[in-house]
Amino acid sequence: MTQDTLRLGAFFYATGHHVAGWRHPSSEADGGLNLERYVGWARRAEAAKFDLVFLEDGTGIRDTSLRSSERTARSAHFEPVTLLSALAAVTSRIGLVATTSTSFNEPYNVARRFASLDHLSGGRAGWNLVTSATDAEAANFGHDRIALHADRYERAEEFVDVVLGLWNTWDDGAVIIDRASGQFSKPDGFRPIDHKGRHFEVRGPLNISRTPQGQPVLVQAGSSGPGKDLAARTAEIVFTANQTLAEAVEFSGDLRERLARFGRSRDDLKILPGLFPVVGRSEAEARAKFEALQDLIDPVVGLALLERMIGGFDLSAYDPDGPVPELPEANGAKSRQQLMFDLARREGLTLRQLYLRIAGARGHSQIVGTPAQIVDEMEARFRAGGADGFNIMPATLPGGLDDFIELVLPELRRRGLFRQDYEGRTLRGHLGTRPGSGR
């Protein structure tokens, strides 16, 4: 696969990305806790030659203000590394990326978990590094509130340095398993890291040898200033949300400049923004599919989703058909809150119109149309340098994924924008990237 072709992730979000997707007949509503459903989705994506499967996660039920049925539909799902370990056994080429927070984990456990997944999968593992952003998550770990944004990123910076150090405590070829001599490994083939920092003290080495990729692929999802710095130093994929072509190009340019500060080149990192496509053989068919989903949104659920997207502020006292109020900066996901405000002001949206607008994509790009219309927008962003590919967010699973594979991929291939087959066997081989480094 060349640098002139797109990279694609298949972002599996339990029953689909639309907030009411679980209610639609094209979804498998029990998918979040049904391994066979995930096996089917992963095999579909691999047969279509996607670069990777991407799983999100949180350390608790974040949508605590939703009705109980919506909370269950959105939050009843497997722990992602556990799930990907199962999927590693039934797939052979597609990358396997799981989200794990630096806020409520320890570096040694995370390093071991993803190194194990890389070994289990033959070099297909990726870690999507995030910081937890809600008080609901903090409450599960003995805290009343989430830590301040700056403090979360300071911890994340040290956390990733420790993980990278642990992944590199074993040399290539350190394990020799020589029965005749009685030597299992080279005596100088691994070493401790003896890390002592503000947040962590970790001796090492890791109790699993160097992985097939050398180290798993690092993915970073933050779009704030500290998030972009962290990505430029360490990540090979950035998952982000941009609404317009201009915003995407600006974000990409900013991130590329930061790469140079850390001695890295453009090709060392791929930017894969989220894309929520609803495709039909005609524009009218696509619109009808989308409106059928929109009609299933409960106003209580829609407003609760918006509350989380803007940082957890209570909007119940505001007129839903009035303008989006001026609110203080959130301590949670700052970049997503700003994206919400910018979208509302740019399009003159009321609260109700805004929650309807984000009910599927949650701030990521949303395209409703024919295969040609969807590919036109994907190609425009790719050619302008605003994206190296996309993390595809199906409205429902498997219906939305099947539509994309059946209708959009042939158009991408017709234009020479996506692979016909895999060329390599590892995730890093698919991406054509090089790892970043610790300090």
Protein backbone atom coordinates (compact mmCIF):
# COMPACT_ATOMS: atom_id res chain seq x y z
CA MET A 1 0.00 0.00 0.00
CA THR A 2 1.50 3.35 -1.03
CA GLN A 3 1.46 6.74 0.65
CA ASP A 4 -1.09 7.76 -2.01
CA THR A 5 -3.76 5.46 -0.62
CA LEU A 6 -6.00 5.79 2.42
CA ARG A 7 -5.73 3.92 5.69
CA LEU A 8 -9.05 2.79 7.18
CA GLY A 9 -10.08 1.78 10.66
CA ALA A 10 -13.32 0.02 11.55
CA PHE A 11 -14.49 1.64 14.78
CA PHE A 12 -16.76 -0.85 16.56
CA TYR A 13 -18.98 0.85 19.13
CA ALA A 14 -21.19 -1.91 20.55
CA THR A 15 -24.52 -1.54 18.68
CA GLY A 16 -23.38 1.27 16.38
CA HIS A 17 -22.37 4.91 16.68
CA HIS A 18 -25.79 6.50 16.40
CA VAL A 19 -27.17 7.10 19.87
CA ALA A 20 -30.40 5.32 18.89
CA GLY A 21 -28.70 2.72 16.72
CA TRP A 22 -29.52 -0.15 19.08
CA ARG A 23 -33.22 0.45 18.38
CA HIS A 24 -32.82 0.14 14.60
CA PRO A 25 -33.41 -3.24 12.87
CA SER A 26 -30.04 -3.06 11.07
CA SER A 27 -28.22 -3.38 14.40
CA GLU A 28 -27.51 -6.45 16.49
CA ALA A 29 -28.70 -4.97 19.76
CA ASP A 30 -27.00 -7.60 21.90
CA GLY A 31 -23.67 -7.03 20.18
CA GLY A 32 -21.83 -5.42 23.09
CA LEU A 33 -21.71 -8.66 25.07
CA ASN A 34 -21.86 -11.23 22.30
CA LEU A 35 -18.48 -12.51 21.12
CA GLU A 36 -19.90 -14.09 17.96
CA ARG A 37 -21.22 -10.70 16.87
CA TYR A 38 -17.76 -9.16 17.21
CA VAL A 39 -16.19 -12.12 15.42
CA GLY A 40 -18.54 -11.57 12.50
CA TRP A 41 -17.86 -7.83 12.35
CA ALA A 42 -14.07 -8.31 12.57
CA ARG A 43 -14.07 -10.94 9.83
CA ARG A 44 -16.13 -8.64 7.59
CA ALA A 45 -13.64 -5.83 8.13
CA GLU A 46 -10.65 -8.10 7.50
CA ALA A 47 -12.16 -9.51 4.32
CA ALA A 48 -12.59 -5.89 3.18
CA LYS A 49 -8.87 -5.23 3.97
CA PHE A 50 -9.36 -2.57 6.64
CA ASP A 51 -6.12 -1.63 8.38
CA LEU A 52 -7.49 -2.07 11.87
CA VAL A 53 -10.35 -2.67 14.26
CA PHE A 54 -10.65 0.14 16.82
CA LEU A 55 -12.37 -0.21 20.21
CA GLU A 56 -13.14 2.64 22.58
CA ASP A 57 -13.42 2.27 26.35
CA GLY A 58 -14.03 4.08 29.59
CA THR A 59 -13.50 3.20 33.22
CA GLY A 60 -17.18 3.29 34.09
CA ILE A 61 -20.60 4.26 32.78
CA ARG A 62 -20.08 7.82 31.58
CA ASP A 63 -23.63 8.58 30.42
CA THR A 64 -25.08 8.50 33.95
CA SER A 65 -27.87 10.95 33.10
CA LEU A 66 -29.32 8.77 30.31
CA ARG A 67 -32.33 6.54 30.82
CA SER A 68 -31.32 3.08 32.03
CA SER A 69 -31.98 1.43 28.65
CA GLU A 70 -29.66 3.82 26.82
CA ARG A 71 -26.98 3.51 29.50
CA THR A 72 -27.03 -0.26 29.09
CA ALA A 73 -26.98 -0.15 25.28
CA ARG A 74 -24.02 2.25 25.24
CA SER A 75 -22.04 0.83 28.16
CA ALA A 76 -22.62 -2.93 28.36
CA HIS A 77 -19.60 -4.18 26.44
CA PHE A 78 -16.43 -6.20 26.91
CA GLU A 79 -13.15 -4.85 28.25
CA PRO A 80 -11.39 -4.18 24.93
CA VAL A 81 -8.01 -5.88 25.34
CA THR A 82 -9.77 -9.02 26.54
CA LEU A 83 -12.04 -8.89 23.51
CA LEU A 84 -9.21 -8.26 21.05
CA SER A 85 -7.30 -11.21 22.48
CA ALA A 86 -10.25 -13.38 21.47
CA LEU A 87 -10.46 -11.73 18.04
CA ALA A 88 -6.73 -12.30 17.51
CA ALA A 89 -7.47 -16.04 17.38
CA VAL A 90 -10.07 -15.74 14.61
CA THR A 91 -8.36 -13.15 12.38
CA SER A 92 -4.91 -13.10 10.81
CA ARG A 93 -4.14 -9.73 9.18
CA ILE A 94 -6.26 -6.88 10.52
CA GLY A 95 -4.79 -4.61 13.20
CA LEU A 96 -6.29 -4.69 16.70
CA VAL A 97 -6.40 -1.38 18.58
CA ALA A 98 -7.85 -0.98 22.08
CA THR A 99 -8.38 2.10 24.22
CA THR A 100 -6.87 2.15 27.71
CA SER A 101 -6.72 5.20 29.97
CA THR A 102 -3.57 6.42 31.69
CA SER A 103 -5.64 7.94 34.50
CA PHE A 104 -6.69 4.78 36.35
CA ASN A 105 -4.16 2.15 35.31
CA GLU A 106 -0.51 1.40 36.03
CA PRO A 107 2.15 1.49 33.29
CA TYR A 108 3.51 -2.00 33.99
CA ASN A 109 0.09 -3.64 33.62
CA VAL A 110 -0.67 -1.74 30.41
CA ALA A 111 2.75 -2.51 28.89
CA ARG A 112 2.34 -6.21 29.67
CA ARG A 113 -1.26 -6.35 28.42
CA PHE A 114 -0.49 -4.86 25.00
CA ALA A 115 2.78 -6.76 24.61
CA SER A 116 0.78 -9.93 25.22
CA LEU A 117 -1.76 -8.90 22.58
CA ASP A 118 1.03 -8.21 20.10
CA HIS A 119 2.45 -11.69 20.67
CA LEU A 120 -0.99 -13.34 20.52
CA SER A 121 -1.83 -11.60 17.24
CA GLY A 122 1.53 -11.97 15.52
CA GLY A 123 2.25 -8.22 15.54
CA ARG A 124 -1.13 -6.56 15.12
CA ALA A 125 -1.63 -4.75 18.44
CA GLY A 126 -2.15 -1.05 19.03
CA TRP A 127 -2.78 0.98 22.19
CA ASN A 128 -5.10 4.00 21.96
CA LEU A 129 -3.83 6.17 24.78
CA VAL A 130 -6.42 8.43 26.41
CA THR A 131 -6.86 10.29 29.68
CA SER A 132 -10.14 9.77 31.52
CA ALA A 133 -12.33 12.86 31.45
CA THR A 134 -15.42 12.42 33.65
CA ASP A 135 -16.20 12.54 37.35
CA ALA A 136 -18.27 9.37 36.90
CA GLU A 137 -15.08 7.49 36.05
CA ALA A 138 -13.14 9.05 38.91
CA ALA A 139 -15.82 7.94 41.38
CA ASN A 140 -14.97 4.30 40.63
CA PHE A 141 -11.44 4.82 41.93
CA GLY A 142 -12.03 6.65 45.20
CA HIS A 143 -12.04 10.22 43.84
CA ASP A 144 -14.82 12.81 43.99
CA ARG A 145 -13.70 14.54 40.80
CA ILE A 146 -11.49 13.91 37.83
CA ALA A 147 -8.00 15.44 38.04
CA LEU A 148 -7.33 18.74 36.30
CA HIS A 149 -6.67 18.54 32.56
CA ALA A 150 -3.04 19.65 32.89
CA ASP A 151 -2.41 17.14 35.67
CA ARG A 152 -3.97 14.31 33.64
CA TYR A 153 -1.65 15.02 30.74
CA GLU A 154 1.39 15.35 32.97
CA ARG A 155 0.64 11.86 34.30
CA ALA A 156 0.03 10.60 30.75
CA GLU A 157 3.41 11.93 29.57
CA GLU A 158 5.25 10.00 32.28
CA PHE A 159 2.98 6.97 31.86
CA VAL A 160 3.78 6.54 28.18
CA ASP A 161 7.50 7.01 28.79
CA VAL A 162 7.41 4.14 31.28
CA VAL A 163 5.42 1.92 28.91
CA LEU A 164 7.79 2.61 26.02
CA GLY A 165 10.74 1.94 28.30
CA LEU A 166 9.27 -1.39 29.40
CA TRP A 167 8.54 -2.47 25.82
CA ASN A 168 12.21 -1.91 25.08
CA THR A 169 13.67 -3.71 28.10
CA TRP A 170 14.19 -6.83 25.96
CA ASP A 171 16.51 -6.87 22.95
CA ASP A 172 15.61 -8.53 19.67
CA GLY A 173 16.77 -12.14 19.82
CA ALA A 174 17.25 -12.12 23.59
CA VAL A 175 15.34 -15.41 23.95
CA ILE A 176 17.45 -18.21 22.46
CA ILE A 177 16.08 -21.41 24.17
CA ASP A 178 19.26 -23.48 23.84
CA ARG A 179 18.52 -26.82 25.51
CA ALA A 180 22.02 -28.18 24.96
CA SER A 181 23.72 -25.37 26.84
CA GLY A 182 20.90 -24.84 29.28
CA GLN A 183 20.61 -21.20 28.27
CA PHE A 184 17.07 -19.89 27.80
CA SER A 185 18.01 -16.27 27.10
CA LYS A 186 21.07 -14.09 26.73
CA PRO A 187 22.15 -12.85 30.16
CA ASP A 188 22.52 -9.29 28.87
CA GLY A 189 19.46 -9.47 26.61
CA PHE A 190 17.13 -7.66 29.00
CA ARG A 191 17.47 -5.06 31.72
CA PRO A 192 15.51 -2.99 34.24
CA ILE A 193 14.49 0.59 33.49
CA ASP A 194 14.75 1.80 37.11
CA HIS A 195 12.29 4.61 36.47
CA LYS A 196 11.70 7.08 39.29
CA GLY A 197 9.41 9.97 38.49
CA ARG A 198 6.74 12.15 40.01
CA HIS A 199 3.92 9.66 39.43
CA PHE A 200 5.59 6.27 39.04
CA GLU A 201 8.49 4.17 40.30
CA VAL A 202 9.00 1.13 38.08
CA ARG A 203 12.00 -1.17 38.22
CA GLY A 204 11.33 -3.48 35.25
CA PRO A 205 12.15 -5.31 33.08
CA LEU A 206 8.86 -6.40 31.56
CA ASN A 207 8.10 -10.09 32.12
CA ILE A 208 7.38 -10.72 28.44
CA SER A 209 9.97 -10.60 25.69
CA ARG A 210 10.15 -8.14 22.81
CA THR A 211 7.08 -8.32 20.61
CA PRO A 212 6.75 -9.11 16.88
CA GLN A 213 6.43 -5.40 16.05
CA GLY A 214 9.23 -4.44 18.42
CA GLN A 215 6.59 -2.52 20.28
CA PRO A 216 2.83 -2.20 19.73
CA VAL A 217 1.58 0.74 17.66
CA LEU A 218 0.74 3.77 19.78
CA VAL A 219 -2.47 5.67 18.98
CA GLN A 220 -3.39 9.00 20.56
CA ALA A 221 -6.84 10.56 20.59
CA GLY A 222 -6.32 13.96 22.22
CA SER A 223 -6.61 17.15 20.17
CA SER A 224 -5.75 19.76 22.79
CA GLY A 225 -2.32 21.40 22.80
CA PRO A 226 -0.86 18.92 25.31
CA GLY A 227 -2.53 16.07 23.44
CA LYS A 228 -0.95 17.10 20.14
CA ASP A 229 2.48 17.42 21.75
CA LEU A 230 2.15 13.95 23.23
CA ALA A 231 1.05 12.56 19.86
CA ALA A 232 3.86 14.25 17.95
CA ARG A 233 6.43 12.73 20.29
CA THR A 234 5.06 9.22 20.70
CA ALA A 235 2.13 8.26 18.42
CA GLU A 236 1.89 6.55 15.05
CA ILE A 237 -1.85 7.20 14.62
CA VAL A 238 -3.87 10.19 15.74
CA PHE A 239 -7.63 9.78 16.03
CA THR A 240 -9.26 13.19 15.93
CA ALA A 241 -12.50 15.05 15.17
CA ASN A 242 -12.61 17.85 12.59
CA GLN A 243 -15.83 19.32 11.19
CA THR A 244 -14.58 21.18 8.13
CA LEU A 245 -11.86 20.74 5.53
CA ALA A 246 -10.19 23.95 6.71
CA GLU A 247 -10.14 22.72 10.32
CA ALA A 248 -8.71 19.37 9.22
CA VAL A 249 -5.91 20.99 7.21
CA GLU A 250 -5.10 23.38 10.07
CA PHE A 251 -4.99 20.53 12.60
CA SER A 252 -2.80 18.42 10.33
CA GLY A 253 -0.39 21.26 9.64
CA ASP A 254 -0.06 22.05 13.33
CA LEU A 255 0.61 18.41 14.19
CA ARG A 256 3.15 17.99 11.38
CA GLU A 257 5.08 21.02 12.65
CA ARG A 258 5.18 19.47 16.12
CA LEU A 259 6.56 16.22 14.67
CA ALA A 260 9.65 18.05 13.46
CA ARG A 261 10.35 19.33 16.97
CA PHE A 262 10.77 15.71 18.09
CA GLY A 263 12.95 14.67 15.15
CA ARG A 264 10.18 12.79 13.38
CA SER A 265 9.04 12.92 9.75
CA ARG A 266 5.60 13.28 8.20
CA ASP A 267 5.36 9.59 7.35
CA ASP A 268 5.99 8.54 10.94
CA LEU A 269 2.39 9.33 11.88
CA LYS A 270 -1.03 8.86 10.25
CA ILE A 271 -3.98 11.13 11.00
CA LEU A 272 -7.25 9.18 10.95
CA PRO A 273 -10.23 11.41 11.81
CA GLY A 274 -13.54 9.81 12.62
CA LEU A 275 -16.07 9.54 9.78
CA PHE A 276 -19.76 8.71 10.28
CA PRO A 277 -21.13 7.71 6.85
CA VAL A 278 -24.76 6.94 5.98
CA VAL A 279 -24.76 5.67 2.42
CA GLY A 280 -27.51 4.90 -0.06
CA ARG A 281 -27.63 4.05 -3.74
CA SER A 282 -29.33 7.42 -4.16
CA GLU A 283 -29.16 10.55 -2.03
CA ALA A 284 -32.85 10.12 -1.22
CA GLU A 285 -32.22 6.58 0.04
CA ALA A 286 -29.34 7.77 2.23
CA ARG A 287 -31.47 10.59 3.68
CA ALA A 288 -34.28 8.18 4.42
CA LYS A 289 -31.89 5.87 6.28
CA PHE A 290 -30.55 8.75 8.33
CA GLU A 291 -33.97 10.18 9.18
CA ALA A 292 -35.19 6.75 10.29
CA LEU A 293 -32.39 6.77 12.87
CA GLN A 294 -33.03 10.37 13.90
CA ASP A 295 -36.70 9.59 14.52
CA LEU A 296 -35.65 7.06 17.16
CA ILE A 297 -33.86 9.62 19.36
CA ASP A 298 -35.48 10.23 22.74
CA PRO A 299 -35.12 13.97 23.60
CA VAL A 300 -33.90 13.07 27.10
CA VAL A 301 -31.19 10.89 25.61
CA GLY A 302 -30.21 13.48 23.02
CA LEU A 303 -29.82 16.25 25.60
CA ALA A 304 -27.87 13.96 27.93
CA LEU A 305 -25.46 13.08 25.11
CA LEU A 306 -24.88 16.78 24.46
CA GLU A 307 -24.28 17.42 28.16
CA ARG A 308 -21.46 14.89 28.13
CA MET A 309 -19.98 16.26 24.91
CA ILE A 310 -19.76 19.80 26.34
CA GLY A 311 -18.07 18.76 29.55
CA GLY A 312 -20.82 17.50 31.85
CA PHE A 313 -22.78 20.75 32.29
CA ASP A 314 -26.47 20.44 33.20
CA LEU A 315 -28.60 21.85 30.36
CA SER A 316 -32.02 20.97 31.76
CA ALA A 317 -32.79 24.56 32.79
CA TYR A 318 -32.26 25.92 29.28
CA ASP A 319 -34.84 26.13 26.50
CA PRO A 320 -34.05 23.25 24.11
CA ASP A 321 -35.21 25.43 21.23
CA GLY A 322 -33.05 28.33 22.35
CA PRO A 323 -29.40 29.05 21.60
CA VAL A 324 -26.53 27.11 23.08
CA PRO A 325 -25.60 29.01 26.27
CA GLU A 326 -22.23 30.49 27.07
CA LEU A 327 -20.52 28.05 29.42
CA PRO A 328 -17.13 27.97 31.16
CA GLU A 329 -14.29 25.86 29.89
CA ALA A 330 -14.67 22.21 30.85
CA ASN A 331 -12.14 20.24 32.85
CA GLY A 332 -12.98 17.15 30.80
CA ALA A 333 -12.56 16.83 27.03
CA LYS A 334 -11.61 20.42 26.23
CA SER A 335 -11.16 20.03 22.48
CA ARG A 336 -14.53 18.28 22.07
CA GLN A 337 -16.32 20.98 24.07
CA GLN A 338 -14.81 23.68 21.84
CA LEU A 339 -15.79 21.73 18.73
CA MET A 340 -19.42 21.65 19.96
CA PHE A 341 -19.48 25.39 20.58
CA ASP A 342 -17.87 26.17 17.23
CA LEU A 343 -20.35 23.96 15.39
CA ALA A 344 -23.36 25.54 17.12
CA ARG A 345 -22.19 29.09 16.41
CA ARG A 346 -21.13 28.43 12.83
CA GLU A 347 -24.48 26.88 11.92
CA GLY A 348 -26.69 28.87 14.29
CA LEU A 349 -27.98 25.75 16.04
CA THR A 350 -30.32 25.53 19.01
CA LEU A 351 -29.68 23.01 21.77
CA ARG A 352 -32.13 20.58 20.17
CA GLN A 353 -30.64 21.04 16.72
CA LEU A 354 -27.15 20.53 18.13
CA TYR A 355 -27.94 17.25 19.87
CA LEU A 356 -29.68 16.02 16.73
CA ARG A 357 -26.63 17.08 14.73
CA ILE A 358 -24.20 15.09 16.90
CA ALA A 359 -26.39 12.06 17.71
CA GLY A 360 -24.47 9.89 15.28
CA ALA A 361 -20.98 11.28 14.87
CA ARG A 362 -20.55 12.98 18.29
CA GLY A 363 -18.58 15.79 16.67
CA HIS A 364 -16.81 13.77 14.00
CA SER A 365 -17.46 14.29 10.30
CA GLN A 366 -20.88 13.12 9.15
CA ILE A 367 -21.67 12.45 5.50
CA VAL A 368 -25.09 11.31 4.31
CA GLY A 369 -25.20 10.53 0.59
CA THR A 370 -24.26 8.28 -2.30
CA PRO A 371 -20.96 6.39 -2.53
CA ALA A 372 -19.60 9.01 -4.93
CA GLN A 373 -20.59 11.88 -2.59
CA ILE A 374 -18.96 10.20 0.39
CA VAL A 375 -15.77 9.39 -1.50
CA ASP A 376 -15.64 12.92 -2.93
CA GLU A 377 -15.37 14.32 0.59
CA MET A 378 -12.93 11.66 1.75
CA GLU A 379 -10.70 12.27 -1.26
CA ALA A 380 -10.85 16.06 -0.88
CA ARG A 381 -9.64 15.87 2.71
CA PHE A 382 -6.96 13.32 1.81
CA ARG A 383 -5.64 15.27 -1.18
CA ALA A 384 -5.58 18.52 0.81
CA GLY A 385 -3.43 16.93 3.51
CA GLY A 386 -6.14 17.01 6.18
CA ALA A 387 -6.20 13.23 6.68
CA ASP A 388 -4.21 10.11 5.88
CA GLY A 389 -7.32 7.98 6.15
CA PHE A 390 -10.42 7.63 8.32
CA ASN A 391 -11.70 5.72 11.30
CA ILE A 392 -15.09 4.60 9.97
CA MET A 393 -17.93 4.89 12.50
CA PRO A 394 -20.92 2.83 11.29
CA ALA A 395 -24.30 4.14 12.45
CA THR A 396 -25.40 0.58 13.22
CA LEU A 397 -23.60 -2.75 13.40
CA PRO A 398 -23.49 -4.67 11.21
CA GLY A 399 -25.82 -2.73 8.87
CA GLY A 400 -23.74 0.45 8.58
CA LEU A 401 -20.50 -1.50 8.20
CA ASP A 402 -21.99 -3.70 5.48
CA ASP A 403 -23.26 -0.64 3.60
CA PHE A 404 -19.80 0.95 3.65
CA ILE A 405 -18.10 -2.25 2.49
CA GLU A 406 -20.64 -2.97 -0.25
CA LEU A 407 -21.13 0.55 -1.59
CA VAL A 408 -18.22 2.85 -0.62
CA LEU A 409 -15.16 0.60 -0.85
CA PRO A 410 -15.69 -0.23 -4.55
CA GLU A 411 -15.73 3.50 -5.33
CA LEU A 412 -12.57 4.07 -3.29
CA ARG A 413 -10.86 1.24 -5.15
CA ARG A 414 -12.12 2.45 -8.53
CA ARG A 415 -10.31 5.74 -7.83
CA GLY A 416 -7.16 3.94 -6.64
CA LEU A 417 -7.58 5.23 -3.10
CA PHE A 418 -7.64 1.94 -1.18
CA ARG A 419 -5.82 -1.38 -1.29
CA GLN A 420 -7.03 -4.49 -3.08
CA ASP A 421 -5.21 -6.76 -0.65
CA TYR A 422 -2.87 -6.66 2.34
CA GLU A 423 0.83 -6.35 1.58
CA GLY A 424 2.13 -7.02 5.09
CA ARG A 425 1.17 -8.97 8.17
CA THR A 426 1.63 -6.44 11.00
CA LEU A 427 -0.30 -3.31 11.86
CA ARG A 428 2.80 -1.17 11.47
CA GLY A 429 3.39 -2.83 8.11
CA HIS A 430 -0.10 -1.77 6.98
CA LEU A 431 0.46 1.79 8.15
CA GLY A 432 4.02 2.32 6.94
CA THR A 433 4.92 4.25 10.10
CA ARG A 434 7.80 4.29 12.58
CA PRO A 435 7.40 4.40 16.36
CA GLY A 436 7.99 7.50 18.43
CA SER A 437 10.06 7.46 21.57
CA GLY A 438 10.09 8.23 25.25
CA ARG A 439 12.06 11.12 26.63
